[in-house]
Amino acid sequence: MLAWLGRLEDAGQQIRETLAFAEGIGQSTSWMHTNCIDLAWFSGDHRGVLRHGQLAMQRAESWGSSYFNAIAQRGLALAHVLDGDAEVAVRLMEQTLPLVARGANGHQFQAHTMATLARAYLKAGAVERSWEMAEAAVASAQASHSRGWEVSAWLALLELPAGGAWSGRVAEGIDRVAQLIDDTGVEGSRPWWWLAQARHSADAARQQGFRDKAIEAFARNGAIAHVERLRAQ
């Protein structure tokens, strides 16, 4: 939750201390490692994500629970996205969809899972499938009134390139994400909202202005790796 609120340094300290204690007594769990992967997405520091993904799966499999498997498989898939292996991520996420379908134990994670799969499809070059999955993620989040997941779903849709058939949803998505961030305080998502506006703006000066705002927001949240990446571009 601290990461969602944009307090990345506090979030990192909390999860490191939690893991150190849990591992010391042999009680680390799959969701702890998945939280580390989600934190890496927020911060841009992707070091160790695959190891956390592998540990998440090991812990989940030791319980034999489809609920924890749904959490761990999404985490491992996101780790592969962050590590640049989108094809593996797609295969993992497609296997995860039944675990979050209506009636399944992990259904509450459906929207977030679909948003992750939409990102994996996009990284793999399957743009149309990414669009379809992002639309499904938005619908799932709205149906369950999951505002945090809805932010994630809209941002996945807004990561699609400018000028596609999905362009009719862009203005709605930008407005809705702004409302959700203001209502919930998930400032950790604010930089991606600025980047979405840059991506879908036709004016070069406005694009740069939005990118500058994104850099400021990443810096404010403590996501220095994202700041460095954007400045390098």
C-alpha atoms as a PDB file:
ATOM      1  CA  MET A   1       0.000   0.000   0.000  1.00  0.00           C
ATOM      2  CA  LEU A   2       2.880   2.373   0.703  1.00  0.00           C
ATOM      3  CA  ALA A   3       4.123   1.822  -2.849  1.00  0.00           C
ATOM      4  CA  TRP A   4       0.688   2.609  -4.265  1.00  0.00           C
ATOM      5  CA  LEU A   5       0.708   5.810  -2.195  1.00  0.00           C
ATOM      6  CA  GLY A   6       4.059   6.777  -3.722  1.00  0.00           C
ATOM      7  CA  ARG A   7       6.110   6.202  -0.561  1.00  0.00           C
ATOM      8  CA  LEU A   8       8.634   3.893  -2.197  1.00  0.00           C
ATOM      9  CA  GLU A   9      11.460   4.269   0.300  1.00  0.00           C
ATOM     10  CA  ASP A  10       9.140   3.385   3.198  1.00  0.00           C
ATOM     11  CA  ALA A  11       7.659   0.501   1.196  1.00  0.00           C
ATOM     12  CA  GLY A  12      11.094  -0.909   0.425  1.00  0.00           C
ATOM     13  CA  GLN A  13      12.178  -0.730   4.031  1.00  0.00           C
ATOM     14  CA  GLN A  14       8.992  -2.425   5.238  1.00  0.00           C
ATOM     15  CA  ILE A  15       9.173  -5.342   2.803  1.00  0.00           C
ATOM     16  CA  ARG A  16      12.916  -5.888   3.366  1.00  0.00           C
ATOM     17  CA  GLU A  17      12.438  -6.025   7.142  1.00  0.00           C
ATOM     18  CA  THR A  18       9.416  -8.283   6.781  1.00  0.00           C
ATOM     19  CA  LEU A  19      11.243 -10.695   4.503  1.00  0.00           C
ATOM     20  CA  ALA A  20      14.336 -10.744   6.701  1.00  0.00           C
ATOM     21  CA  PHE A  21      12.234 -11.661   9.730  1.00  0.00           C
ATOM     22  CA  ALA A  22      10.079 -14.201   7.876  1.00  0.00           C
ATOM     23  CA  GLU A  23      13.038 -15.924   6.261  1.00  0.00           C
ATOM     24  CA  GLY A  24      14.813 -16.019   9.615  1.00  0.00           C
ATOM     25  CA  ILE A  25      12.037 -18.183  11.025  1.00  0.00           C
ATOM     26  CA  GLY A  26      11.406 -20.063   7.761  1.00  0.00           C
ATOM     27  CA  GLN A  27       8.009 -18.455   7.185  1.00  0.00           C
ATOM     28  CA  SER A  28       8.338 -16.298   4.069  1.00  0.00           C
ATOM     29  CA  THR A  29       5.268 -16.469   1.830  1.00  0.00           C
ATOM     30  CA  SER A  30       4.511 -16.104  -1.869  1.00  0.00           C
ATOM     31  CA  TRP A  31       2.789 -12.735  -1.542  1.00  0.00           C
ATOM     32  CA  MET A  32       5.837 -11.204   0.187  1.00  0.00           C
ATOM     33  CA  HIS A  33       7.998 -11.970  -2.844  1.00  0.00           C
ATOM     34  CA  THR A  34       5.274 -10.827  -5.237  1.00  0.00           C
ATOM     35  CA  ASN A  35       5.106  -7.537  -3.339  1.00  0.00           C
ATOM     36  CA  CYS A  36       8.836  -7.117  -4.020  1.00  0.00           C
ATOM     37  CA  ILE A  37       8.165  -7.521  -7.750  1.00  0.00           C
ATOM     38  CA  ASP A  38       5.317  -4.999  -7.670  1.00  0.00           C
ATOM     39  CA  LEU A  39       7.600  -2.592  -5.813  1.00  0.00           C
ATOM     40  CA  ALA A  40      10.187  -3.048  -8.585  1.00  0.00           C
ATOM     41  CA  TRP A  41       7.561  -1.997 -11.152  1.00  0.00           C
ATOM     42  CA  PHE A  42       6.829   1.159  -9.159  1.00  0.00           C
ATOM     43  CA  SER A  43      10.489   2.001  -8.517  1.00  0.00           C
ATOM     44  CA  GLY A  44      12.083   0.946 -11.810  1.00  0.00           C
ATOM     45  CA  ASP A  45      14.772  -1.011  -9.945  1.00  0.00           C
ATOM     46  CA  HIS A  46      14.376  -4.481 -11.415  1.00  0.00           C
ATOM     47  CA  ARG A  47      17.313  -6.177  -9.727  1.00  0.00           C
ATOM     48  CA  GLY A  48      16.435  -9.600  -8.345  1.00  0.00           C
ATOM     49  CA  VAL A  49      12.889  -9.723  -9.723  1.00  0.00           C
ATOM     50  CA  LEU A  50      13.237 -13.166 -11.298  1.00  0.00           C
ATOM     51  CA  ARG A  51      14.606 -14.593  -8.061  1.00  0.00           C
ATOM     52  CA  HIS A  52      11.632 -13.177  -6.175  1.00  0.00           C
ATOM     53  CA  GLY A  53       9.307 -14.628  -8.811  1.00  0.00           C
ATOM     54  CA  GLN A  54      10.859 -18.072  -8.473  1.00  0.00           C
ATOM     55  CA  LEU A  55      10.651 -17.927  -4.678  1.00  0.00           C
ATOM     56  CA  ALA A  56       7.033 -16.811  -4.858  1.00  0.00           C
ATOM     57  CA  MET A  57       6.179 -19.863  -6.952  1.00  0.00           C
ATOM     58  CA  GLN A  58       8.087 -22.194  -4.646  1.00  0.00           C
ATOM     59  CA  ARG A  59       6.243 -20.874  -1.589  1.00  0.00           C
ATOM     60  CA  ALA A  60       2.856 -21.018  -3.332  1.00  0.00           C
ATOM     61  CA  GLU A  61       3.405 -24.575  -4.556  1.00  0.00           C
ATOM     62  CA  SER A  62       4.350 -25.674  -1.053  1.00  0.00           C
ATOM     63  CA  TRP A  63       0.852 -24.642   0.072  1.00  0.00           C
ATOM     64  CA  GLY A  64      -0.908 -26.180  -2.927  1.00  0.00           C
ATOM     65  CA  SER A  65      -3.434 -23.338  -2.990  1.00  0.00           C
ATOM     66  CA  SER A  66      -4.869 -21.991  -6.242  1.00  0.00           C
ATOM     67  CA  TYR A  67      -5.371 -18.660  -4.458  1.00  0.00           C
ATOM     68  CA  PHE A  68      -1.671 -18.259  -3.710  1.00  0.00           C
ATOM     69  CA  ASN A  69      -0.720 -19.712  -7.094  1.00  0.00           C
ATOM     70  CA  ALA A  70      -2.721 -16.933  -8.757  1.00  0.00           C
ATOM     71  CA  ILE A  71      -0.762 -14.323  -6.800  1.00  0.00           C
ATOM     72  CA  ALA A  72       2.607 -15.971  -7.421  1.00  0.00           C
ATOM     73  CA  GLN A  73       2.109 -16.632 -11.142  1.00  0.00           C
ATOM     74  CA  ARG A  74       1.145 -13.022 -11.783  1.00  0.00           C
ATOM     75  CA  GLY A  75       4.231 -11.954  -9.842  1.00  0.00           C
ATOM     76  CA  LEU A  76       6.539 -14.260 -11.787  1.00  0.00           C
ATOM     77  CA  ALA A  77       4.997 -13.138 -15.078  1.00  0.00           C
ATOM     78  CA  LEU A  78       5.496  -9.478 -14.157  1.00  0.00           C
ATOM     79  CA  ALA A  79       9.096 -10.297 -13.248  1.00  0.00           C
ATOM     80  CA  HIS A  80       9.600 -11.699 -16.758  1.00  0.00           C
ATOM     81  CA  VAL A  81       8.036  -8.563 -18.268  1.00  0.00           C
ATOM     82  CA  LEU A  82      10.424  -6.394 -16.262  1.00  0.00           C
ATOM     83  CA  ASP A  83      13.327  -8.642 -17.249  1.00  0.00           C
ATOM     84  CA  GLY A  84      12.463  -8.334 -20.937  1.00  0.00           C
ATOM     85  CA  ASP A  85      11.073 -11.816 -21.590  1.00  0.00           C
ATOM     86  CA  ALA A  86       7.489 -11.062 -22.578  1.00  0.00           C
ATOM     87  CA  GLU A  87       6.868 -14.386 -24.345  1.00  0.00           C
ATOM     88  CA  VAL A  88       7.387 -16.335 -21.125  1.00  0.00           C
ATOM     89  CA  ALA A  89       5.224 -13.818 -19.273  1.00  0.00           C
ATOM     90  CA  VAL A  90       2.381 -14.305 -21.752  1.00  0.00           C
ATOM     91  CA  ARG A  91       2.455 -18.086 -21.348  1.00  0.00           C
ATOM     92  CA  LEU A  92       2.418 -17.794 -17.558  1.00  0.00           C
ATOM     93  CA  MET A  93      -0.409 -15.272 -17.525  1.00  0.00           C
ATOM     94  CA  GLU A  94      -2.589 -17.232 -19.934  1.00  0.00           C
ATOM     95  CA  GLN A  95      -2.240 -20.188 -17.543  1.00  0.00           C
ATOM     96  CA  THR A  96      -3.227 -17.910 -14.657  1.00  0.00           C
ATOM     97  CA  LEU A  97      -6.527 -16.659 -16.121  1.00  0.00           C
ATOM     98  CA  PRO A  98      -8.541 -19.741 -14.984  1.00  0.00           C
ATOM     99  CA  LEU A  99      -7.299 -19.160 -11.418  1.00  0.00           C
ATOM    100  CA  VAL A 100      -8.920 -15.706 -11.369  1.00  0.00           C
ATOM    101  CA  ALA A 101     -12.081 -16.469 -13.375  1.00  0.00           C
ATOM    102  CA  ARG A 102     -15.504 -15.939 -11.818  1.00  0.00           C
ATOM    103  CA  GLY A 103     -16.025 -18.615  -9.174  1.00  0.00           C
ATOM    104  CA  ALA A 104     -12.307 -19.333  -8.753  1.00  0.00           C
ATOM    105  CA  ASN A 105     -10.519 -18.739  -5.444  1.00  0.00           C
ATOM    106  CA  GLY A 106      -8.415 -15.921  -6.900  1.00  0.00           C
ATOM    107  CA  HIS A 107     -11.241 -14.059  -8.630  1.00  0.00           C
ATOM    108  CA  GLN A 108     -10.620 -10.858  -6.651  1.00  0.00           C
ATOM    109  CA  PHE A 109      -7.311 -10.523  -8.549  1.00  0.00           C
ATOM    110  CA  GLN A 110      -8.838 -10.877 -12.018  1.00  0.00           C
ATOM    111  CA  ALA A 111      -8.548  -7.240 -13.086  1.00  0.00           C
ATOM    112  CA  HIS A 112      -4.942  -6.864 -11.927  1.00  0.00           C
ATOM    113  CA  THR A 113      -4.022 -10.169 -13.562  1.00  0.00           C
ATOM    114  CA  MET A 114      -5.601  -9.100 -16.852  1.00  0.00           C
ATOM    115  CA  ALA A 115      -3.793  -5.749 -16.702  1.00  0.00           C
ATOM    116  CA  THR A 116      -0.477  -7.576 -16.280  1.00  0.00           C
ATOM    117  CA  LEU A 117      -1.306  -9.835 -19.225  1.00  0.00           C
ATOM    118  CA  ALA A 118      -2.198  -6.782 -21.327  1.00  0.00           C
ATOM    119  CA  ARG A 119       1.275  -5.367 -20.618  1.00  0.00           C
ATOM    120  CA  ALA A 120       2.885  -8.709 -21.480  1.00  0.00           C
ATOM    121  CA  TYR A 121       0.997  -8.870 -24.789  1.00  0.00           C
ATOM    122  CA  LEU A 122       2.101  -5.330 -25.611  1.00  0.00           C
ATOM    123  CA  LYS A 123       5.757  -6.114 -24.842  1.00  0.00           C
ATOM    124  CA  ALA A 124       5.458  -9.240 -27.005  1.00  0.00           C
ATOM    125  CA  GLY A 125       4.124  -7.180 -29.916  1.00  0.00           C
ATOM    126  CA  ALA A 126       0.557  -8.544 -29.766  1.00  0.00           C
ATOM    127  CA  VAL A 127      -1.015  -5.087 -29.718  1.00  0.00           C
ATOM    128  CA  GLU A 128      -4.593  -6.101 -30.589  1.00  0.00           C
ATOM    129  CA  ARG A 129      -4.622  -8.767 -27.882  1.00  0.00           C
ATOM    130  CA  SER A 130      -3.180  -6.250 -25.444  1.00  0.00           C
ATOM    131  CA  TRP A 131      -6.073  -3.906 -26.221  1.00  0.00           C
ATOM    132  CA  GLU A 132      -8.662  -6.647 -25.752  1.00  0.00           C
ATOM    133  CA  MET A 133      -7.168  -7.709 -22.426  1.00  0.00           C
ATOM    134  CA  ALA A 134      -6.859  -4.139 -21.146  1.00  0.00           C
ATOM    135  CA  GLU A 135     -10.520  -3.523 -21.984  1.00  0.00           C
ATOM    136  CA  ALA A 136     -11.449  -6.720 -20.125  1.00  0.00           C
ATOM    137  CA  ALA A 137      -9.335  -5.617 -17.145  1.00  0.00           C
ATOM    138  CA  VAL A 138     -11.122  -2.259 -16.967  1.00  0.00           C
ATOM    139  CA  ALA A 139     -14.526  -3.954 -17.122  1.00  0.00           C
ATOM    140  CA  SER A 140     -13.560  -6.471 -14.421  1.00  0.00           C
ATOM    141  CA  ALA A 141     -12.258  -3.770 -12.090  1.00  0.00           C
ATOM    142  CA  GLN A 142     -15.361  -1.640 -12.539  1.00  0.00           C
ATOM    143  CA  ALA A 143     -17.656  -4.617 -11.967  1.00  0.00           C
ATOM    144  CA  SER A 144     -15.913  -5.385  -8.668  1.00  0.00           C
ATOM    145  CA  HIS A 145     -15.572  -1.713  -7.656  1.00  0.00           C
ATOM    146  CA  SER A 146     -11.807  -2.261  -7.245  1.00  0.00           C
ATOM    147  CA  ARG A 147     -10.498   1.257  -7.708  1.00  0.00           C
ATOM    148  CA  GLY A 148      -6.806   0.403  -7.359  1.00  0.00           C
ATOM    149  CA  TRP A 149      -7.106  -2.377  -9.919  1.00  0.00           C
ATOM    150  CA  GLU A 150      -9.058  -0.018 -12.166  1.00  0.00           C
ATOM    151  CA  VAL A 151      -6.131   2.419 -12.144  1.00  0.00           C
ATOM    152  CA  SER A 152      -3.802  -0.430 -13.137  1.00  0.00           C
ATOM    153  CA  ALA A 153      -6.182  -1.539 -15.900  1.00  0.00           C
ATOM    154  CA  TRP A 154      -6.628   1.921 -17.400  1.00  0.00           C
ATOM    155  CA  LEU A 155      -2.884   2.546 -17.312  1.00  0.00           C
ATOM    156  CA  ALA A 156      -2.335  -0.719 -19.206  1.00  0.00           C
ATOM    157  CA  LEU A 157      -4.764   0.488 -21.871  1.00  0.00           C
ATOM    158  CA  LEU A 158      -3.100   3.905 -21.996  1.00  0.00           C
ATOM    159  CA  GLU A 159       0.287   2.254 -22.606  1.00  0.00           C
ATOM    160  CA  LEU A 160      -0.953   1.280 -26.083  1.00  0.00           C
ATOM    161  CA  PRO A 161       0.601   3.383 -28.857  1.00  0.00           C
ATOM    162  CA  ALA A 162      -1.126   6.523 -30.079  1.00  0.00           C
ATOM    163  CA  GLY A 163      -3.425   6.405 -33.088  1.00  0.00           C
ATOM    164  CA  GLY A 164      -4.891   2.911 -32.777  1.00  0.00           C
ATOM    165  CA  ALA A 165      -8.502   1.765 -32.757  1.00  0.00           C
ATOM    166  CA  TRP A 166      -8.503   2.237 -28.969  1.00  0.00           C
ATOM    167  CA  SER A 167      -7.978   5.997 -29.323  1.00  0.00           C
ATOM    168  CA  GLY A 168     -11.647   6.590 -28.529  1.00  0.00           C
ATOM    169  CA  ARG A 169     -11.052   5.393 -24.958  1.00  0.00           C
ATOM    170  CA  VAL A 170      -7.965   7.502 -24.292  1.00  0.00           C
ATOM    171  CA  ALA A 171      -9.623  10.727 -23.118  1.00  0.00           C
ATOM    172  CA  GLU A 172     -12.013   8.747 -20.916  1.00  0.00           C
ATOM    173  CA  GLY A 173      -9.115   6.781 -19.438  1.00  0.00           C
ATOM    174  CA  ILE A 174      -7.006   9.841 -18.694  1.00  0.00           C
ATOM    175  CA  ASP A 175      -9.941  11.564 -16.978  1.00  0.00           C
ATOM    176  CA  ARG A 176     -10.906   8.448 -15.017  1.00  0.00           C
ATOM    177  CA  VAL A 177      -7.357   7.779 -13.790  1.00  0.00           C
ATOM    178  CA  ALA A 178      -7.053  11.387 -12.622  1.00  0.00           C
ATOM    179  CA  GLN A 179     -10.295  11.028 -10.668  1.00  0.00           C
ATOM    180  CA  LEU A 180      -9.236   7.692  -9.140  1.00  0.00           C
ATOM    181  CA  ILE A 181      -5.826   8.996  -8.086  1.00  0.00           C
ATOM    182  CA  ASP A 182      -7.388  12.063  -6.491  1.00  0.00           C
ATOM    183  CA  ASP A 183     -10.047   9.972  -4.727  1.00  0.00           C
ATOM    184  CA  THR A 184      -7.760   7.216  -3.441  1.00  0.00           C
ATOM    185  CA  GLY A 185      -4.376   8.921  -3.050  1.00  0.00           C
ATOM    186  CA  VAL A 186      -2.491   6.342  -5.163  1.00  0.00           C
ATOM    187  CA  GLU A 187       0.217   8.833  -6.101  1.00  0.00           C
ATOM    188  CA  GLY A 188       2.502   5.958  -7.023  1.00  0.00           C
ATOM    189  CA  SER A 189       0.495   5.791 -10.255  1.00  0.00           C
ATOM    190  CA  ARG A 190       0.654   9.513 -11.028  1.00  0.00           C
ATOM    191  CA  PRO A 191       3.864   9.380 -13.143  1.00  0.00           C
ATOM    192  CA  TRP A 192       2.308   6.861 -15.562  1.00  0.00           C
ATOM    193  CA  TRP A 193      -0.713   9.143 -15.903  1.00  0.00           C
ATOM    194  CA  TRP A 194       1.604  11.957 -17.051  1.00  0.00           C
ATOM    195  CA  LEU A 195       3.391   9.567 -19.434  1.00  0.00           C
ATOM    196  CA  ALA A 196       0.050   8.473 -20.892  1.00  0.00           C
ATOM    197  CA  GLN A 197      -0.759  12.083 -21.710  1.00  0.00           C
ATOM    198  CA  ALA A 198       2.637  12.494 -23.339  1.00  0.00           C
ATOM    199  CA  ARG A 199       2.146   9.325 -25.402  1.00  0.00           C
ATOM    200  CA  HIS A 200      -1.245  10.361 -26.724  1.00  0.00           C
ATOM    201  CA  SER A 201      -0.571  14.062 -27.291  1.00  0.00           C
ATOM    202  CA  ALA A 202      -0.013  15.247 -30.872  1.00  0.00           C
ATOM    203  CA  ASP A 203       1.841  18.399 -29.815  1.00  0.00           C
ATOM    204  CA  ALA A 204       5.607  18.022 -29.310  1.00  0.00           C
ATOM    205  CA  ALA A 205       5.840  20.797 -26.728  1.00  0.00           C
ATOM    206  CA  ARG A 206       2.987  19.344 -24.698  1.00  0.00           C
ATOM    207  CA  GLN A 207       4.575  15.895 -24.941  1.00  0.00           C
ATOM    208  CA  GLN A 208       7.785  17.219 -23.413  1.00  0.00           C
ATOM    209  CA  GLY A 209       5.865  19.064 -20.734  1.00  0.00           C
ATOM    210  CA  PHE A 210       4.023  15.895 -19.740  1.00  0.00           C
ATOM    211  CA  ARG A 211       7.286  13.914 -19.704  1.00  0.00           C
ATOM    212  CA  ASP A 212       8.843  16.541 -17.445  1.00  0.00           C
ATOM    213  CA  LYS A 213       5.860  16.214 -15.100  1.00  0.00           C
ATOM    214  CA  ALA A 214       6.330  12.427 -15.095  1.00  0.00           C
ATOM    215  CA  ILE A 215       9.992  12.802 -14.186  1.00  0.00           C
ATOM    216  CA  GLU A 216       9.080  15.166 -11.350  1.00  0.00           C
ATOM    217  CA  ALA A 217       6.475  12.705 -10.048  1.00  0.00           C
ATOM    218  CA  PHE A 218       8.872   9.739 -10.232  1.00  0.00           C
ATOM    219  CA  ALA A 219      11.503  11.762  -8.374  1.00  0.00           C
ATOM    220  CA  ARG A 220       8.995  12.806  -5.722  1.00  0.00           C
ATOM    221  CA  ASN A 221       8.051   9.166  -5.157  1.00  0.00           C
ATOM    222  CA  GLY A 222      11.677   8.038  -4.994  1.00  0.00           C
ATOM    223  CA  ALA A 223      11.630   6.095  -8.286  1.00  0.00           C
ATOM    224  CA  ILE A 224      15.131   7.196  -9.271  1.00  0.00           C
ATOM    225  CA  ALA A 225      15.631   4.390 -11.810  1.00  0.00           C
ATOM    226  CA  HIS A 226      12.611   5.618 -13.769  1.00  0.00           C
ATOM    227  CA  VAL A 227      13.936   9.184 -13.587  1.00  0.00           C
ATOM    228  CA  GLU A 228      17.287   8.106 -15.006  1.00  0.00           C
ATOM    229  CA  ARG A 229      15.643   6.053 -17.768  1.00  0.00           C
ATOM    230  CA  LEU A 230      13.454   8.927 -18.897  1.00  0.00           C
ATOM    231  CA  ARG A 231      16.291  11.434 -18.818  1.00  0.00           C
ATOM    232  CA  ALA A 232      18.448   9.082 -20.872  1.00  0.00           C
ATOM    233  CA  GLN A 233      15.738   8.949 -23.520  1.00  0.00           C
END
